[in-house]
Amino acid sequence: MRAVIFILILVILVIIAGVSTGFLNINQIRGAKAPEVTATRNGISAKGGQAPAFDVETGSVKVGTKETSVKVPTLEVQKAGGNQAAAAGNAQ
């Protein structure tokens, strides 16, 4: 249950970020109408109604490659020489 709530919160935050940055533009182009509900002795019936319609425009992301030069540092490894400290021992 916690995972579902976390995912819903994450989706809402992504939508808010998309709208605030202009990457996502949502416009309602048709309003919603509730159906007419009537109750009779035979039961309940509903007529009409309309779901809302939305026009969603999203930004585009272009992904490509380009060649470039990158300086890579060099690494030199030297063997241990005479400048190493003498190994500490238990000499008595």
PDB file of N, CA and C in Angstrom:
ATOM      1  N   MET A   1       0.826  -1.186   0.000  1.00  0.00           N
ATOM      2  CA  MET A   1       0.000   0.000   0.000  1.00  0.00           C
ATOM      3  C   MET A   1       0.876   1.258   0.000  1.00  0.00           C
ATOM      4  N   ARG A   2       1.950   1.211   0.769  1.00  0.00           N
ATOM      5  CA  ARG A   2       2.843   2.368   0.815  1.00  0.00           C
ATOM      6  C   ARG A   2       3.510   2.604  -0.529  1.00  0.00           C
ATOM      7  N   ALA A   3       3.825   1.528  -1.218  1.00  0.00           N
ATOM      8  CA  ALA A   3       4.477   1.650  -2.529  1.00  0.00           C
ATOM      9  C   ALA A   3       3.541   2.317  -3.531  1.00  0.00           C
ATOM     10  N   VAL A   4       2.263   1.967  -3.491  1.00  0.00           N
ATOM     11  CA  VAL A   4       1.287   2.557  -4.415  1.00  0.00           C
ATOM     12  C   VAL A   4       1.147   4.050  -4.139  1.00  0.00           C
ATOM     13  N   ILE A   5       1.065   4.416  -2.886  1.00  0.00           N
ATOM     14  CA  ILE A   5       0.954   5.831  -2.524  1.00  0.00           C
ATOM     15  C   ILE A   5       2.209   6.589  -2.940  1.00  0.00           C
ATOM     16  N   PHE A   6       3.373   5.974  -2.746  1.00  0.00           N
ATOM     17  CA  PHE A   6       4.632   6.612  -3.141  1.00  0.00           C
ATOM     18  C   PHE A   6       4.679   6.828  -4.656  1.00  0.00           C
ATOM     19  N   ILE A   7       4.234   5.844  -5.429  1.00  0.00           N
ATOM     20  CA  ILE A   7       4.228   5.971  -6.882  1.00  0.00           C
ATOM     21  C   ILE A   7       3.260   7.056  -7.327  1.00  0.00           C
ATOM     22  N   LEU A   8       2.087   7.134  -6.711  1.00  0.00           N
ATOM     23  CA  LEU A   8       1.124   8.188  -7.051  1.00  0.00           C
ATOM     24  C   LEU A   8       1.685   9.574  -6.749  1.00  0.00           C
ATOM     25  N   ILE A   9       2.341   9.728  -5.619  1.00  0.00           N
ATOM     26  CA  ILE A   9       2.956  11.012  -5.276  1.00  0.00           C
ATOM     27  C   ILE A   9       4.036  11.367  -6.281  1.00  0.00           C
ATOM     28  N   LEU A  10       4.827  10.393  -6.671  1.00  0.00           N
ATOM     29  CA  LEU A  10       5.888  10.614  -7.646  1.00  0.00           C
ATOM     30  C   LEU A  10       5.318  11.037  -9.004  1.00  0.00           C
ATOM     31  N   VAL A  11       4.240  10.396  -9.438  1.00  0.00           N
ATOM     32  CA  VAL A  11       3.597  10.755 -10.712  1.00  0.00           C
ATOM     33  C   VAL A  11       3.051  12.182 -10.659  1.00  0.00           C
ATOM     34  N   ILE A  12       2.429  12.544  -9.556  1.00  0.00           N
ATOM     35  CA  ILE A  12       1.886  13.894  -9.404  1.00  0.00           C
ATOM     36  C   ILE A  12       3.006  14.927  -9.443  1.00  0.00           C
ATOM     37  N   LEU A  13       4.121  14.647  -8.785  1.00  0.00           N
ATOM     38  CA  LEU A  13       5.249  15.580  -8.800  1.00  0.00           C
ATOM     39  C   LEU A  13       5.834  15.732 -10.203  1.00  0.00           C
ATOM     40  N   VAL A  14       5.890  14.647 -10.967  1.00  0.00           N
ATOM     41  CA  VAL A  14       6.402  14.723 -12.342  1.00  0.00           C
ATOM     42  C   VAL A  14       5.469  15.561 -13.207  1.00  0.00           C
ATOM     43  N   ILE A  15       4.167  15.387 -13.039  1.00  0.00           N
ATOM     44  CA  ILE A  15       3.208  16.190 -13.813  1.00  0.00           C
ATOM     45  C   ILE A  15       3.319  17.661 -13.445  1.00  0.00           C
ATOM     46  N   ILE A  16       3.438  17.963 -12.174  1.00  0.00           N
ATOM     47  CA  ILE A  16       3.580  19.362 -11.735  1.00  0.00           C
ATOM     48  C   ILE A  16       4.859  19.967 -12.315  1.00  0.00           C
ATOM     49  N   ALA A  17       5.958  19.213 -12.278  1.00  0.00           N
ATOM     50  CA  ALA A  17       7.218  19.715 -12.832  1.00  0.00           C
ATOM     51  C   ALA A  17       7.102  19.933 -14.337  1.00  0.00           C
ATOM     52  N   GLY A  18       6.425  19.032 -15.040  1.00  0.00           N
ATOM     53  CA  GLY A  18       6.252  19.181 -16.483  1.00  0.00           C
ATOM     54  C   GLY A  18       5.436  20.394 -16.850  1.00  0.00           C
ATOM     55  N   VAL A  19       4.371  20.654 -16.107  1.00  0.00           N
ATOM     56  CA  VAL A  19       3.529  21.819 -16.381  1.00  0.00           C
ATOM     57  C   VAL A  19       4.259  23.106 -16.023  1.00  0.00           C
ATOM     58  N   SER A  20       4.974  23.115 -14.910  1.00  0.00           N
ATOM     59  CA  SER A  20       5.634  24.350 -14.470  1.00  0.00           C
ATOM     60  C   SER A  20       6.801  24.739 -15.369  1.00  0.00           C
ATOM     61  N   THR A  21       7.456  23.769 -16.001  1.00  0.00           N
ATOM     62  CA  THR A  21       8.571  24.090 -16.885  1.00  0.00           C
ATOM     63  C   THR A  21       8.125  24.348 -18.315  1.00  0.00           C
ATOM     64  N   GLY A  22       6.856  24.129 -18.615  1.00  0.00           N
ATOM     65  CA  GLY A  22       6.360  24.350 -19.965  1.00  0.00           C
ATOM     66  C   GLY A  22       6.551  23.148 -20.868  1.00  0.00           C
ATOM     67  N   PHE A  23       7.062  22.054 -20.346  1.00  0.00           N
ATOM     68  CA  PHE A  23       7.254  20.838 -21.139  1.00  0.00           C
ATOM     69  C   PHE A  23       5.923  20.157 -21.427  1.00  0.00           C
ATOM     70  N   LEU A  24       4.937  20.369 -20.564  1.00  0.00           N
ATOM     71  CA  LEU A  24       3.626  19.742 -20.696  1.00  0.00           C
ATOM     72  C   LEU A  24       2.570  20.823 -20.649  1.00  0.00           C
ATOM     73  N   ASN A  25       1.686  20.860 -21.654  1.00  0.00           N
ATOM     74  CA  ASN A  25       0.622  21.854 -21.719  1.00  0.00           C
ATOM     75  C   ASN A  25      -0.702  21.111 -21.855  1.00  0.00           C
ATOM     76  N   ILE A  26      -1.606  21.272 -20.876  1.00  0.00           N
ATOM     77  CA  ILE A  26      -2.892  20.574 -20.869  1.00  0.00           C
ATOM     78  C   ILE A  26      -4.003  21.609 -20.966  1.00  0.00           C
ATOM     79  N   ASN A  27      -4.867  21.472 -21.997  1.00  0.00           N
ATOM     80  CA  ASN A  27      -6.007  22.367 -22.190  1.00  0.00           C
ATOM     81  C   ASN A  27      -7.273  21.532 -22.284  1.00  0.00           C
ATOM     82  N   GLN A  28      -8.312  21.953 -21.547  1.00  0.00           N
ATOM     83  CA  GLN A  28      -9.592  21.256 -21.623  1.00  0.00           C
ATOM     84  C   GLN A  28     -10.362  21.823 -22.811  1.00  0.00           C
ATOM     85  N   ILE A  29     -10.751  20.956 -23.760  1.00  0.00           N
ATOM     86  CA  ILE A  29     -11.446  21.442 -24.949  1.00  0.00           C
ATOM     87  C   ILE A  29     -12.936  21.117 -24.921  1.00  0.00           C
ATOM     88  N   ARG A  30     -13.367  20.234 -24.039  1.00  0.00           N
ATOM     89  CA  ARG A  30     -14.786  19.935 -23.891  1.00  0.00           C
ATOM     90  C   ARG A  30     -15.071  19.673 -22.422  1.00  0.00           C
ATOM     91  N   GLY A  31     -16.063  20.350 -21.894  1.00  0.00           N
ATOM     92  CA  GLY A  31     -16.420  20.200 -20.490  1.00  0.00           C
ATOM     93  C   GLY A  31     -17.185  18.919 -20.217  1.00  0.00           C
ATOM     94  N   ALA A  32     -17.270  18.577 -18.960  1.00  0.00           N
ATOM     95  CA  ALA A  32     -17.996  17.385 -18.541  1.00  0.00           C
ATOM     96  C   ALA A  32     -19.439  17.735 -18.231  1.00  0.00           C
ATOM     97  N   LYS A  33     -20.338  16.799 -18.500  1.00  0.00           N
ATOM     98  CA  LYS A  33     -21.748  16.962 -18.153  1.00  0.00           C
ATOM     99  C   LYS A  33     -22.189  15.711 -17.409  1.00  0.00           C
ATOM    100  N   ALA A  34     -22.860  15.914 -16.298  1.00  0.00           N
ATOM    101  CA  ALA A  34     -23.344  14.783 -15.515  1.00  0.00           C
ATOM    102  C   ALA A  34     -24.572  14.173 -16.205  1.00  0.00           C
ATOM    103  N   PRO A  35     -24.744  12.865 -16.104  1.00  0.00           N
ATOM    104  CA  PRO A  35     -25.921  12.244 -16.713  1.00  0.00           C
ATOM    105  C   PRO A  35     -27.175  12.572 -15.908  1.00  0.00           C
ATOM    106  N   GLU A  36     -28.319  12.512 -16.594  1.00  0.00           N
ATOM    107  CA  GLU A  36     -29.602  12.715 -15.908  1.00  0.00           C
ATOM    108  C   GLU A  36     -30.037  11.370 -15.346  1.00  0.00           C
ATOM    109  N   VAL A  37     -30.207  11.304 -14.060  1.00  0.00           N
ATOM    110  CA  VAL A  37     -30.541  10.053 -13.388  1.00  0.00           C
ATOM    111  C   VAL A  37     -31.989  10.137 -12.932  1.00  0.00           C
ATOM    112  N   THR A  38     -32.767   9.111 -13.271  1.00  0.00           N
ATOM    113  CA  THR A  38     -34.165   9.061 -12.833  1.00  0.00           C
ATOM    114  C   THR A  38     -34.414   7.738 -12.128  1.00  0.00           C
ATOM    115  N   ALA A  39     -35.214   7.805 -11.088  1.00  0.00           N
ATOM    116  CA  ALA A  39     -35.555   6.612 -10.327  1.00  0.00           C
ATOM    117  C   ALA A  39     -37.046   6.327 -10.512  1.00  0.00           C
ATOM    118  N   THR A  40     -37.364   5.135 -10.918  1.00  0.00           N
ATOM    119  CA  THR A  40     -38.756   4.714 -11.081  1.00  0.00           C
ATOM    120  C   THR A  40     -38.956   3.433 -10.295  1.00  0.00           C
ATOM    121  N   ARG A  41     -40.164   2.887 -10.383  1.00  0.00           N
ATOM    122  CA  ARG A  41     -40.448   1.630  -9.680  1.00  0.00           C
ATOM    123  C   ARG A  41     -39.628   0.475 -10.260  1.00  0.00           C
ATOM    124  N   ASN A  42     -39.275   0.583 -11.535  1.00  0.00           N
ATOM    125  CA  ASN A  42     -38.542  -0.488 -12.193  1.00  0.00           C
ATOM    126  C   ASN A  42     -37.035  -0.407 -11.939  1.00  0.00           C
ATOM    127  N   GLY A  43     -36.543   0.679 -11.376  1.00  0.00           N
ATOM    128  CA  GLY A  43     -35.126   0.814 -11.108  1.00  0.00           C
ATOM    129  C   GLY A  43     -34.630   2.218 -11.408  1.00  0.00           C
ATOM    130  N   ILE A  44     -33.371   2.313 -11.561  1.00  0.00           N
ATOM    131  CA  ILE A  44     -32.717   3.603 -11.816  1.00  0.00           C
ATOM    132  C   ILE A  44     -32.199   3.595 -13.237  1.00  0.00           C
ATOM    133  N   SER A  45     -32.412   4.719 -13.948  1.00  0.00           N
ATOM    134  CA  SER A  45     -31.888   4.830 -15.310  1.00  0.00           C
ATOM    135  C   SER A  45     -31.133   6.141 -15.446  1.00  0.00           C
ATOM    136  N   ALA A  46     -30.141   6.127 -16.304  1.00  0.00           N
ATOM    137  CA  ALA A  46     -29.324   7.316 -16.540  1.00  0.00           C
ATOM    138  C   ALA A  46     -29.283   7.572 -18.041  1.00  0.00           C
ATOM    139  N   LYS A  47     -29.422   8.838 -18.423  1.00  0.00           N
ATOM    140  CA  LYS A  47     -29.371   9.234 -19.834  1.00  0.00           C
ATOM    141  C   LYS A  47     -28.404  10.388 -19.999  1.00  0.00           C
ATOM    142  N   GLY A  48     -27.734  10.387 -21.120  1.00  0.00           N
ATOM    143  CA  GLY A  48     -26.856  11.507 -21.448  1.00  0.00           C
ATOM    144  C   GLY A  48     -25.553  11.447 -20.681  1.00  0.00           C
ATOM    145  N   GLY A  49     -24.993  12.617 -20.481  1.00  0.00           N
ATOM    146  CA  GLY A  49     -23.696  12.723 -19.818  1.00  0.00           C
ATOM    147  C   GLY A  49     -22.575  12.806 -20.836  1.00  0.00           C
ATOM    148  N   GLN A  50     -21.511  13.389 -20.427  1.00  0.00           N
ATOM    149  CA  GLN A  50     -20.383  13.567 -21.348  1.00  0.00           C
ATOM    150  C   GLN A  50     -19.094  13.630 -20.550  1.00  0.00           C
ATOM    151  N   ALA A  51     -18.117  12.901 -21.008  1.00  0.00           N
ATOM    152  CA  ALA A  51     -16.794  12.927 -20.379  1.00  0.00           C
ATOM    153  C   ALA A  51     -16.022  14.136 -20.897  1.00  0.00           C
ATOM    154  N   PRO A  52     -15.168  14.718 -20.081  1.00  0.00           N
ATOM    155  CA  PRO A  52     -14.394  15.857 -20.561  1.00  0.00           C
ATOM    156  C   PRO A  52     -13.333  15.408 -21.576  1.00  0.00           C
ATOM    157  N   ALA A  53     -12.922  16.320 -22.427  1.00  0.00           N
ATOM    158  CA  ALA A  53     -11.865  16.039 -23.402  1.00  0.00           C
ATOM    159  C   ALA A  53     -10.730  17.027 -23.174  1.00  0.00           C
ATOM    160  N   PHE A  54      -9.516  16.545 -23.342  1.00  0.00           N
ATOM    161  CA  PHE A  54      -8.338  17.367 -23.110  1.00  0.00           C
ATOM    162  C   PHE A  54      -7.420  17.320 -24.317  1.00  0.00           C
ATOM    163  N   ASP A  55      -6.751  18.428 -24.574  1.00  0.00           N
ATOM    164  CA  ASP A  55      -5.714  18.502 -25.598  1.00  0.00           C
ATOM    165  C   ASP A  55      -4.388  18.626 -24.863  1.00  0.00           C
ATOM    166  N   VAL A  56      -3.534  17.645 -25.058  1.00  0.00           N
ATOM    167  CA  VAL A  56      -2.257  17.623 -24.350  1.00  0.00           C
ATOM    168  C   VAL A  56      -1.136  17.803 -25.357  1.00  0.00           C
ATOM    169  N   GLU A  57      -0.311  18.810 -25.129  1.00  0.00           N
ATOM    170  CA  GLU A  57       0.860  19.059 -25.967  1.00  0.00           C
ATOM    171  C   GLU A  57       2.105  18.863 -25.117  1.00  0.00           C
ATOM    172  N   THR A  58       3.024  18.098 -25.638  1.00  0.00           N
ATOM    173  CA  THR A  58       4.263  17.866 -24.907  1.00  0.00           C
ATOM    174  C   THR A  58       5.441  18.433 -25.687  1.00  0.00           C
ATOM    175  N   GLY A  59       6.474  18.770 -24.968  1.00  0.00           N
ATOM    176  CA  GLY A  59       7.698  19.238 -25.599  1.00  0.00           C
ATOM    177  C   GLY A  59       8.429  18.070 -26.231  1.00  0.00           C
ATOM    178  N   SER A  60       9.487  18.365 -26.915  1.00  0.00           N
ATOM    179  CA  SER A  60      10.250  17.292 -27.538  1.00  0.00           C
ATOM    180  C   SER A  60      11.672  17.286 -26.989  1.00  0.00           C
ATOM    181  N   VAL A  61      12.229  16.132 -26.974  1.00  0.00           N
ATOM    182  CA  VAL A  61      13.601  15.954 -26.521  1.00  0.00           C
ATOM    183  C   VAL A  61      14.376  15.350 -27.682  1.00  0.00           C
ATOM    184  N   LYS A  62      15.442  16.002 -28.067  1.00  0.00           N
ATOM    185  CA  LYS A  62      16.272  15.485 -29.141  1.00  0.00           C
ATOM    186  C   LYS A  62      17.542  14.913 -28.539  1.00  0.00           C
ATOM    187  N   VAL A  63      17.830  13.684 -28.903  1.00  0.00           N
ATOM    188  CA  VAL A  63      19.007  13.002 -28.394  1.00  0.00           C
ATOM    189  C   VAL A  63      19.925  12.734 -29.578  1.00  0.00           C
ATOM    190  N   GLY A  64      21.166  13.094 -29.428  1.00  0.00           N
ATOM    191  CA  GLY A  64      22.114  12.879 -30.509  1.00  0.00           C
ATOM    192  C   GLY A  64      23.511  12.641 -29.968  1.00  0.00           C
ATOM    193  N   THR A  65      24.425  12.499 -30.878  1.00  0.00           N
ATOM    194  CA  THR A  65      25.815  12.292 -30.491  1.00  0.00           C
ATOM    195  C   THR A  65      26.686  13.288 -31.225  1.00  0.00           C
ATOM    196  N   LYS A  66      27.822  13.576 -30.647  1.00  0.00           N
ATOM    197  CA  LYS A  66      28.808  14.411 -31.318  1.00  0.00           C
ATOM    198  C   LYS A  66      30.182  13.969 -30.852  1.00  0.00           C
ATOM    199  N   GLU A  67      31.154  14.194 -31.710  1.00  0.00           N
ATOM    200  CA  GLU A  67      32.516  13.818 -31.360  1.00  0.00           C
ATOM    201  C   GLU A  67      33.182  14.985 -30.656  1.00  0.00           C
ATOM    202  N   THR A  68      33.945  14.661 -29.619  1.00  0.00           N
ATOM    203  CA  THR A  68      34.660  15.678 -28.874  1.00  0.00           C
ATOM    204  C   THR A  68      35.939  15.069 -28.311  1.00  0.00           C
ATOM    205  N   SER A  69      36.868  15.917 -27.937  1.00  0.00           N
ATOM    206  CA  SER A  69      38.122  15.458 -27.347  1.00  0.00           C
ATOM    207  C   SER A  69      38.090  15.691 -25.850  1.00  0.00           C
ATOM    208  N   VAL A  70      38.498  14.695 -25.117  1.00  0.00           N
ATOM    209  CA  VAL A  70      38.513  14.776 -23.660  1.00  0.00           C
ATOM    210  C   VAL A  70      39.924  14.444 -23.200  1.00  0.00           C
ATOM    211  N   LYS A  71      40.493  15.320 -22.361  1.00  0.00           N
ATOM    212  CA  LYS A  71      41.814  15.048 -21.804  1.00  0.00           C
ATOM    213  C   LYS A  71      41.678  14.040 -20.672  1.00  0.00           C
ATOM    214  N   VAL A  72      42.459  12.990 -20.769  1.00  0.00           N
ATOM    215  CA  VAL A  72      42.436  11.946 -19.754  1.00  0.00           C
ATOM    216  C   VAL A  72      43.749  12.025 -18.989  1.00  0.00           C
ATOM    217  N   PRO A  73      43.693  12.074 -17.668  1.00  0.00           N
ATOM    218  CA  PRO A  73      44.937  12.148 -16.901  1.00  0.00           C
ATOM    219  C   PRO A  73      45.733  10.854 -17.029  1.00  0.00           C
ATOM    220  N   THR A  74      47.060  11.009 -16.976  1.00  0.00           N
ATOM    221  CA  THR A  74      47.927   9.837 -17.040  1.00  0.00           C
ATOM    222  C   THR A  74      48.291   9.404 -15.626  1.00  0.00           C
ATOM    223  N   LEU A  75      48.615   8.147 -15.514  1.00  0.00           N
ATOM    224  CA  LEU A  75      48.946   7.582 -14.213  1.00  0.00           C
ATOM    225  C   LEU A  75      50.275   6.864 -14.343  1.00  0.00           C
ATOM    226  N   GLU A  76      51.217   7.214 -13.471  1.00  0.00           N
ATOM    227  CA  GLU A  76      52.519   6.562 -13.466  1.00  0.00           C
ATOM    228  C   GLU A  76      52.654   5.761 -12.186  1.00  0.00           C
ATOM    229  N   VAL A  77      53.098   4.532 -12.337  1.00  0.00           N
ATOM    230  CA  VAL A  77      53.321   3.662 -11.189  1.00  0.00           C
ATOM    231  C   VAL A  77      54.818   3.391 -11.120  1.00  0.00           C
ATOM    232  N   GLN A  78      55.422   3.690  -9.973  1.00  0.00           N
ATOM    233  CA  GLN A  78      56.856   3.475  -9.801  1.00  0.00           C
ATOM    234  C   GLN A  78      57.071   2.376  -8.778  1.00  0.00           C
ATOM    235  N   LYS A  79      58.089   1.575  -9.033  1.00  0.00           N
ATOM    236  CA  LYS A  79      58.431   0.518  -8.088  1.00  0.00           C
ATOM    237  C   LYS A  79      58.986   1.146  -6.824  1.00  0.00           C
ATOM    238  N   ALA A  80      58.857   0.422  -5.720  1.00  0.00           N
ATOM    239  CA  ALA A  80      59.372   0.904  -4.460  1.00  0.00           C
ATOM    240  C   ALA A  80      60.893   1.050  -4.563  1.00  0.00           C
ATOM    241  N   GLY A  81      61.390   2.186  -4.109  1.00  0.00           N
ATOM    242  CA  GLY A  81      62.818   2.450  -4.216  1.00  0.00           C
ATOM    243  C   GLY A  81      63.474   2.582  -2.858  1.00  0.00           C
ATOM    244  N   GLY A  82      64.634   3.190  -2.824  1.00  0.00           N
ATOM    245  CA  GLY A  82      65.385   3.361  -1.601  1.00  0.00           C
ATOM    246  C   GLY A  82      64.805   4.433  -0.688  1.00  0.00           C
ATOM    247  N   ASN A  83      63.843   5.201  -1.140  1.00  0.00           N
ATOM    248  CA  ASN A  83      63.330   6.272  -0.310  1.00  0.00           C
ATOM    249  C   ASN A  83      62.186   5.810   0.592  1.00  0.00           C
ATOM    250  N   GLN A  84      61.963   4.506   0.651  1.00  0.00           N
ATOM    251  CA  GLN A  84      60.919   3.970   1.526  1.00  0.00           C
ATOM    252  C   GLN A  84      61.489   3.854   2.940  1.00  0.00           C
ATOM    253  N   ALA A  85      60.660   4.063   3.924  1.00  0.00           N
ATOM    254  CA  ALA A  85      61.072   3.910   5.316  1.00  0.00           C
ATOM    255  C   ALA A  85      61.301   2.432   5.598  1.00  0.00           C
ATOM    256  N   ALA A  86      62.237   2.163   6.492  1.00  0.00           N
ATOM    257  CA  ALA A  86      62.536   0.770   6.853  1.00  0.00           C
ATOM    258  C   ALA A  86      61.328   0.159   7.519  1.00  0.00           C
ATOM    259  N   ALA A  87      61.123  -1.078   7.238  1.00  0.00           N
ATOM    260  CA  ALA A  87      59.987  -1.769   7.813  1.00  0.00           C
ATOM    261  C   ALA A  87      60.151  -1.873   9.315  1.00  0.00           C
ATOM    262  N   ALA A  88      59.113  -1.578  10.031  1.00  0.00           N
ATOM    263  CA  ALA A  88      59.169  -1.657  11.483  1.00  0.00           C
ATOM    264  C   ALA A  88      59.142  -3.131  11.891  1.00  0.00           C
ATOM    265  N   GLY A  89      59.995  -3.465  12.780  1.00  0.00           N
ATOM    266  CA  GLY A  89      60.067  -4.849  13.205  1.00  0.00           C
ATOM    267  C   GLY A  89      60.090  -4.945  14.717  1.00  0.00           C
ATOM    268  N   ASN A  90      60.182  -6.138  15.196  1.00  0.00           N
ATOM    269  CA  ASN A  90      60.211  -6.398  16.628  1.00  0.00           C
ATOM    270  C   ASN A  90      61.613  -6.773  17.049  1.00  0.00           C
ATOM    271  N   ALA A  91      62.603  -6.039  16.545  1.00  0.00           N
ATOM    272  CA  ALA A  91      64.003  -6.353  16.844  1.00  0.00           C
ATOM    273  C   ALA A  91      64.338  -5.881  18.259  1.00  0.00           C
ATOM    274  N   GLN A  92      65.032  -6.778  19.014  1.00  0.00           N
ATOM    275  CA  GLN A  92      65.404  -6.422  20.380  1.00  0.00           C
ATOM    276  C   GLN A  92      66.868  -6.547  20.593  1.00  0.00           C
TER     277      GLN A  92
END
